[in-house]
């Protein structure tokens, strides 16, 4: 699914950047351009970062 229509950036690319440590929309914009044009996707990107980072924290706790 495309998250940033202006830059044609999909959820897999966004998730990949988040998994490599991106923790804000500003960092995501620098990494791939998502959220840098019209801004319509910024809320969704922020939510995806938050939920993906929480998922990673839960996965890390399961390993311990």
PDB file of N, CA and C in Angstrom:
ATOM      1  N   UNK A   1       0.837  -1.174   0.000  1.00  0.00           N
ATOM      2  CA  UNK A   1       0.000   0.000   0.000  1.00  0.00           C
ATOM      3  C   UNK A   1       0.889   1.247   0.000  1.00  0.00           C
ATOM      4  N   UNK A   2       0.526   2.228  -0.771  1.00  0.00           N
ATOM      5  CA  UNK A   2       1.272   3.477  -0.840  1.00  0.00           C
ATOM      6  C   UNK A   2       0.880   4.357   0.334  1.00  0.00           C
ATOM      7  N   UNK A   3       1.870   4.831   1.071  1.00  0.00           N
ATOM      8  CA  UNK A   3       1.616   5.724   2.194  1.00  0.00           C
ATOM      9  C   UNK A   3       1.809   7.182   1.805  1.00  0.00           C
ATOM     10  N   UNK A   4       2.818   7.448   0.992  1.00  0.00           N
ATOM     11  CA  UNK A   4       3.106   8.813   0.537  1.00  0.00           C
ATOM     12  C   UNK A   4       2.890   8.849  -0.972  1.00  0.00           C
ATOM     13  N   UNK A   5       1.762   9.395  -1.375  1.00  0.00           N
ATOM     14  CA  UNK A   5       1.403   9.430  -2.787  1.00  0.00           C
ATOM     15  C   UNK A   5       2.343  10.344  -3.573  1.00  0.00           C
ATOM     16  N   UNK A   6       2.700  11.478  -3.003  1.00  0.00           N
ATOM     17  CA  UNK A   6       3.553  12.450  -3.709  1.00  0.00           C
ATOM     18  C   UNK A   6       4.894  11.849  -4.123  1.00  0.00           C
ATOM     19  N   UNK A   7       5.460  11.027  -3.265  1.00  0.00           N
ATOM     20  CA  UNK A   7       6.770  10.428  -3.525  1.00  0.00           C
ATOM     21  C   UNK A   7       6.674   8.951  -3.907  1.00  0.00           C
ATOM     22  N   UNK A   8       5.446   8.426  -3.989  1.00  0.00           N
ATOM     23  CA  UNK A   8       5.198   7.017  -4.343  1.00  0.00           C
ATOM     24  C   UNK A   8       5.988   6.066  -3.441  1.00  0.00           C
ATOM     25  N   UNK A   9       5.853   6.277  -2.132  1.00  0.00           N
ATOM     26  CA  UNK A   9       6.574   5.466  -1.158  1.00  0.00           C
ATOM     27  C   UNK A   9       5.578   4.594  -0.418  1.00  0.00           C
ATOM     28  N   UNK A  10       5.848   3.302  -0.448  1.00  0.00           N
ATOM     29  CA  UNK A  10       4.942   2.333   0.144  1.00  0.00           C
ATOM     30  C   UNK A  10       5.305   1.968   1.565  1.00  0.00           C
ATOM     31  N   UNK A  11       4.422   1.184   2.155  1.00  0.00           N
ATOM     32  CA  UNK A  11       4.603   0.800   3.552  1.00  0.00           C
ATOM     33  C   UNK A  11       5.843  -0.055   3.773  1.00  0.00           C
ATOM     34  N   UNK A  12       6.211  -0.872   2.815  1.00  0.00           N
ATOM     35  CA  UNK A  12       7.418  -1.706   2.988  1.00  0.00           C
ATOM     36  C   UNK A  12       8.664  -0.854   3.103  1.00  0.00           C
ATOM     37  N   UNK A  13       8.758   0.192   2.253  1.00  0.00           N
ATOM     38  CA  UNK A  13       9.926   1.067   2.322  1.00  0.00           C
ATOM     39  C   UNK A  13       9.942   1.835   3.641  1.00  0.00           C
ATOM     40  N   UNK A  14       8.801   2.351   4.041  1.00  0.00           N
ATOM     41  CA  UNK A  14       8.710   3.078   5.309  1.00  0.00           C
ATOM     42  C   UNK A  14       9.084   2.160   6.464  1.00  0.00           C
ATOM     43  N   UNK A  15       8.516   0.961   6.493  1.00  0.00           N
ATOM     44  CA  UNK A  15       8.827   0.008   7.557  1.00  0.00           C
ATOM     45  C   UNK A  15      10.312  -0.337   7.592  1.00  0.00           C
ATOM     46  N   UNK A  16      10.912  -0.456   6.435  1.00  0.00           N
ATOM     47  CA  UNK A  16      12.333  -0.765   6.362  1.00  0.00           C
ATOM     48  C   UNK A  16      13.167   0.334   7.026  1.00  0.00           C
ATOM     49  N   UNK A  17      12.819   1.576   6.767  1.00  0.00           N
ATOM     50  CA  UNK A  17      13.547   2.694   7.387  1.00  0.00           C
ATOM     51  C   UNK A  17      13.322   2.719   8.899  1.00  0.00           C
ATOM     52  N   UNK A  18      12.100   2.465   9.316  1.00  0.00           N
ATOM     53  CA  UNK A  18      11.798   2.430  10.754  1.00  0.00           C
ATOM     54  C   UNK A  18      12.589   1.318  11.429  1.00  0.00           C
ATOM     55  N   UNK A  19      12.637   0.164  10.792  1.00  0.00           N
ATOM     56  CA  UNK A  19      13.375  -0.973  11.356  1.00  0.00           C
ATOM     57  C   UNK A  19      14.872  -0.695  11.455  1.00  0.00           C
ATOM     58  N   UNK A  20      15.371   0.216  10.626  1.00  0.00           N
ATOM     59  CA  UNK A  20      16.787   0.585  10.670  1.00  0.00           C
ATOM     60  C   UNK A  20      17.059   1.771  11.581  1.00  0.00           C
ATOM     61  N   UNK A  21      16.022   2.214  12.326  1.00  0.00           N
ATOM     62  CA  UNK A  21      16.265   3.219  13.347  1.00  0.00           C
ATOM     63  C   UNK A  21      15.597   4.566  13.178  1.00  0.00           C
ATOM     64  N   UNK A  22      14.928   4.811  12.063  1.00  0.00           N
ATOM     65  CA  UNK A  22      14.231   6.081  11.894  1.00  0.00           C
ATOM     66  C   UNK A  22      13.161   6.186  12.977  1.00  0.00           C
ATOM     67  N   UNK A  23      13.133   7.321  13.688  1.00  0.00           N
ATOM     68  CA  UNK A  23      12.203   7.438  14.804  1.00  0.00           C
ATOM     69  C   UNK A  23      11.341   8.692  14.752  1.00  0.00           C
ATOM     70  N   UNK A  24      11.366   9.404  13.629  1.00  0.00           N
ATOM     71  CA  UNK A  24      10.522  10.587  13.483  1.00  0.00           C
ATOM     72  C   UNK A  24      10.194  10.798  12.007  1.00  0.00           C
ATOM     73  N   UNK A  25       9.147  11.571  11.768  1.00  0.00           N
ATOM     74  CA  UNK A  25       8.784  11.884  10.384  1.00  0.00           C
ATOM     75  C   UNK A  25       9.890  12.709   9.735  1.00  0.00           C
ATOM     76  N   UNK A  26      10.522  13.572  10.501  1.00  0.00           N
ATOM     77  CA  UNK A  26      11.633  14.381   9.974  1.00  0.00           C
ATOM     78  C   UNK A  26      12.771  13.473   9.480  1.00  0.00           C
ATOM     79  N   UNK A  27      13.110  12.457  10.265  1.00  0.00           N
ATOM     80  CA  UNK A  27      14.153  11.505   9.861  1.00  0.00           C
ATOM     81  C   UNK A  27      13.708  10.693   8.654  1.00  0.00           C
ATOM     82  N   UNK A  28      12.445  10.333   8.613  1.00  0.00           N
ATOM     83  CA  UNK A  28      11.908   9.582   7.482  1.00  0.00           C
ATOM     84  C   UNK A  28      11.958  10.421   6.210  1.00  0.00           C
ATOM     85  N   UNK A  29      11.615  11.685   6.339  1.00  0.00           N
ATOM     86  CA  UNK A  29      11.682  12.604   5.198  1.00  0.00           C
ATOM     87  C   UNK A  29      13.112  12.687   4.661  1.00  0.00           C
ATOM     88  N   UNK A  30      14.080  12.769   5.545  1.00  0.00           N
ATOM     89  CA  UNK A  30      15.477  12.832   5.122  1.00  0.00           C
ATOM     90  C   UNK A  30      15.930  11.524   4.478  1.00  0.00           C
ATOM     91  N   UNK A  31      15.412  10.408   4.988  1.00  0.00           N
ATOM     92  CA  UNK A  31      15.838   9.096   4.505  1.00  0.00           C
ATOM     93  C   UNK A  31      15.271   8.751   3.134  1.00  0.00           C
ATOM     94  N   UNK A  32      13.993   9.091   2.904  1.00  0.00           N
ATOM     95  CA  UNK A  32      13.381   8.652   1.644  1.00  0.00           C
ATOM     96  C   UNK A  32      12.459   9.679   1.001  1.00  0.00           C
ATOM     97  N   UNK A  33      12.197  10.786   1.670  1.00  0.00           N
ATOM     98  CA  UNK A  33      11.341  11.820   1.109  1.00  0.00           C
ATOM     99  C   UNK A  33       9.887  11.756   1.549  1.00  0.00           C
ATOM    100  N   UNK A  34       9.480  10.678   2.188  1.00  0.00           N
ATOM    101  CA  UNK A  34       8.086  10.546   2.611  1.00  0.00           C
ATOM    102  C   UNK A  34       7.708  11.664   3.574  1.00  0.00           C
ATOM    103  N   UNK A  35       6.562  12.273   3.329  1.00  0.00           N
ATOM    104  CA  UNK A  35       6.077  13.341   4.194  1.00  0.00           C
ATOM    105  C   UNK A  35       6.645  14.703   3.884  1.00  0.00           C
ATOM    106  N   UNK A  36       7.422  14.808   2.831  1.00  0.00           N
ATOM    107  CA  UNK A  36       8.097  16.061   2.541  1.00  0.00           C
ATOM    108  C   UNK A  36       7.440  16.966   1.529  1.00  0.00           C
ATOM    109  N   UNK A  37       6.332  16.547   0.940  1.00  0.00           N
ATOM    110  CA  UNK A  37       5.709  17.388  -0.080  1.00  0.00           C
ATOM    111  C   UNK A  37       4.423  18.000   0.457  1.00  0.00           C
ATOM    112  N   UNK A  38       3.286  17.406   0.217  1.00  0.00           N
ATOM    113  CA  UNK A  38       2.011  18.033   0.599  1.00  0.00           C
ATOM    114  C   UNK A  38       1.697  17.859   2.079  1.00  0.00           C
ATOM    115  N   UNK A  39       2.234  16.828   2.719  1.00  0.00           N
ATOM    116  CA  UNK A  39       2.021  16.608   4.141  1.00  0.00           C
ATOM    117  C   UNK A  39       0.781  15.810   4.496  1.00  0.00           C
ATOM    118  N   UNK A  40       0.027  15.372   3.509  1.00  0.00           N
ATOM    119  CA  UNK A  40      -1.194  14.618   3.788  1.00  0.00           C
ATOM    120  C   UNK A  40      -0.919  13.297   4.505  1.00  0.00           C
ATOM    121  N   UNK A  41       0.260  12.751   4.348  1.00  0.00           N
ATOM    122  CA  UNK A  41       0.582  11.452   4.928  1.00  0.00           C
ATOM    123  C   UNK A  41       1.278  11.552   6.285  1.00  0.00           C
ATOM    124  N   UNK A  42       1.583  12.743   6.732  1.00  0.00           N
ATOM    125  CA  UNK A  42       2.388  12.921   7.940  1.00  0.00           C
ATOM    126  C   UNK A  42       1.757  12.248   9.156  1.00  0.00           C
ATOM    127  N   UNK A  43       0.468  12.393   9.323  1.00  0.00           N
ATOM    128  CA  UNK A  43      -0.200  11.773  10.476  1.00  0.00           C
ATOM    129  C   UNK A  43      -0.060  10.247  10.416  1.00  0.00           C
ATOM    130  N   UNK A  44      -0.289   9.674   9.238  1.00  0.00           N
ATOM    131  CA  UNK A  44      -0.176   8.220   9.065  1.00  0.00           C
ATOM    132  C   UNK A  44       1.269   7.769   9.293  1.00  0.00           C
ATOM    133  N   UNK A  45       2.227   8.527   8.798  1.00  0.00           N
ATOM    134  CA  UNK A  45       3.638   8.179   8.992  1.00  0.00           C
ATOM    135  C   UNK A  45       3.997   8.215  10.477  1.00  0.00           C
ATOM    136  N   UNK A  46       3.546   9.246  11.159  1.00  0.00           N
ATOM    137  CA  UNK A  46       3.817   9.359  12.598  1.00  0.00           C
ATOM    138  C   UNK A  46       3.235   8.157  13.341  1.00  0.00           C
ATOM    139  N   UNK A  47       2.013   7.812  13.035  1.00  0.00           N
ATOM    140  CA  UNK A  47       1.360   6.673  13.688  1.00  0.00           C
ATOM    141  C   UNK A  47       2.080   5.365  13.367  1.00  0.00           C
ATOM    142  N   UNK A  48       2.523   5.229  12.136  1.00  0.00           N
ATOM    143  CA  UNK A  48       3.217   3.995  11.735  1.00  0.00           C
ATOM    144  C   UNK A  48       4.551   3.874  12.471  1.00  0.00           C
ATOM    145  N   UNK A  49       5.264   4.978  12.591  1.00  0.00           N
ATOM    146  CA  UNK A  49       6.529   4.972  13.340  1.00  0.00           C
ATOM    147  C   UNK A  49       6.259   4.558  14.786  1.00  0.00           C
ATOM    148  N   UNK A  50       5.250   5.176  15.398  1.00  0.00           N
ATOM    149  CA  UNK A  50       4.926   4.877  16.794  1.00  0.00           C
ATOM    150  C   UNK A  50       4.552   3.415  16.979  1.00  0.00           C
ATOM    151  N   UNK A  51       3.671   2.916  16.146  1.00  0.00           N
ATOM    152  CA  UNK A  51       3.230   1.530  16.317  1.00  0.00           C
ATOM    153  C   UNK A  51       4.339   0.536  15.961  1.00  0.00           C
ATOM    154  N   UNK A  52       5.117   0.838  14.952  1.00  0.00           N
ATOM    155  CA  UNK A  52       6.205  -0.072  14.542  1.00  0.00           C
ATOM    156  C   UNK A  52       7.287  -0.122  15.617  1.00  0.00           C
ATOM    157  N   UNK A  53       7.619   1.018  16.205  1.00  0.00           N
ATOM    158  CA  UNK A  53       8.636   1.064  17.265  1.00  0.00           C
ATOM    159  C   UNK A  53       8.118   0.321  18.495  1.00  0.00           C
ATOM    160  N   UNK A  54       6.835   0.448  18.810  1.00  0.00           N
ATOM    161  CA  UNK A  54       6.264  -0.294  19.936  1.00  0.00           C
ATOM    162  C   UNK A  54       6.300  -1.784  19.661  1.00  0.00           C
ATOM    163  N   UNK A  55       6.006  -2.175  18.445  1.00  0.00           N
ATOM    164  CA  UNK A  55       6.065  -3.578  18.057  1.00  0.00           C
ATOM    165  C   UNK A  55       7.481  -4.097  18.258  1.00  0.00           C
ATOM    166  N   UNK A  56       8.469  -3.329  17.869  1.00  0.00           N
ATOM    167  CA  UNK A  56       9.854  -3.749  18.031  1.00  0.00           C
ATOM    168  C   UNK A  56      10.202  -3.916  19.498  1.00  0.00           C
ATOM    169  N   UNK A  57       9.716  -3.024  20.354  1.00  0.00           N
ATOM    170  CA  UNK A  57       9.986  -3.118  21.789  1.00  0.00           C
ATOM    171  C   UNK A  57       9.352  -4.389  22.347  1.00  0.00           C
ATOM    172  N   UNK A  58       8.151  -4.723  21.909  1.00  0.00           N
ATOM    173  CA  UNK A  58       7.486  -5.939  22.368  1.00  0.00           C
ATOM    174  C   UNK A  58       8.265  -7.167  21.904  1.00  0.00           C
ATOM    175  N   UNK A  59       8.722  -7.154  20.668  1.00  0.00           N
ATOM    176  CA  UNK A  59       9.510  -8.281  20.150  1.00  0.00           C
ATOM    177  C   UNK A  59      10.793  -8.442  20.947  1.00  0.00           C
ATOM    178  N   UNK A  60      11.434  -7.347  21.281  1.00  0.00           N
ATOM    179  CA  UNK A  60      12.668  -7.418  22.062  1.00  0.00           C
ATOM    180  C   UNK A  60      12.415  -8.006  23.443  1.00  0.00           C
ATOM    181  N   UNK A  61      11.315  -7.642  24.075  1.00  0.00           N
ATOM    182  CA  UNK A  61      10.995  -8.182  25.390  1.00  0.00           C
ATOM    183  C   UNK A  61      10.724  -9.674  25.328  1.00  0.00           C
ATOM    184  N   UNK A  62      10.142 -10.135  24.231  1.00  0.00           N
ATOM    185  CA  UNK A  62       9.836 -11.563  24.076  1.00  0.00           C
ATOM    186  C   UNK A  62      11.119 -12.391  23.969  1.00  0.00           C
ATOM    187  N   UNK A  63      12.163 -11.788  23.433  1.00  0.00           N
ATOM    188  CA  UNK A  63      13.439 -12.493  23.249  1.00  0.00           C
ATOM    189  C   UNK A  63      14.153 -12.669  24.590  1.00  0.00           C
ATOM    190  N   UNK A  64      13.978 -11.716  25.482  1.00  0.00           N
ATOM    191  CA  UNK A  64      14.693 -11.732  26.780  1.00  0.00           C
ATOM    192  C   UNK A  64      14.242 -12.813  27.656  1.00  0.00           C
TER     193      UNK A  64
END
